[in-house]
Amino acid sequence: MKKFILGFLAGGILVPVFALIKTLKFWEKHVDNDYAMTAGFVKDVIHRGVEKTLYGDSVSPRRRPTYGRNYQDYTRPRPVQPVPPMRCNNPQDAQIVVDRVFEIVRKYGRATVADFKELVGVMPLYKDNHIGWTEEEINEVRALGDEIHTPRPVRLS
C-alpha cells in the first residue's frame, strides 16, 4: 500500500495517482504521438489537481506559468536585414537589372526587394514586398562585374 498515493481530485474522486501516472508514462513510451499528447495532457491535469489540493488556488512555487519564456515583443519593428549581393549570368545582365530597378524607382517612387529579386530570377519572400529602396537609397545600387550590390533596404509603408 506504500506505493499507492491517494490524491483528492476535482469532483471528489479518490484515485491512486501513482498507478495512474505510471500508466500514462507507459502510454507516452509505447503508443502513438496523438495518444502520448493526450496522456501528457491528462498527466498535467492530474498534477495540477494534486497541486491545487495541496497548495490551494495559488500557483505552487515550483510550477510557474511558462507563457513568458519564449515571448517576443512583436509590436516593435525588427531591423531590416541587408540583401546579399546577387549574381547574374554576365555583367551585361547585371547592368540591365540595375537599369530596370532605376526605371521602377523613377516610375513608382520606390522599388521593393521583391521587384529586385524577380528581375534577378530569385523567388522573393512575402516580407520582401514590404522592404525596398526609395529615390534616396537607390543611387547606391551598383553592378560590379556579374554581381549586384545594394544598400540596406528600408521599410516601405
Foldseek 3Di string as FASTA:
>chain_A
DVQFDWAQFPPRDTDRLNVLLVVLVVCLVPHDPVSNVVSVVVNVNVVVRRCCVVPNPDDDPVDDDCPPVPDDPPVDDDFFDADDKAFAPWLVLLVVLLVVLVVCQVVPQWDFQCSSCVSRPHHDDPCSVFWTDGPVQSVPWDRDIRIIHGDGIDGDD
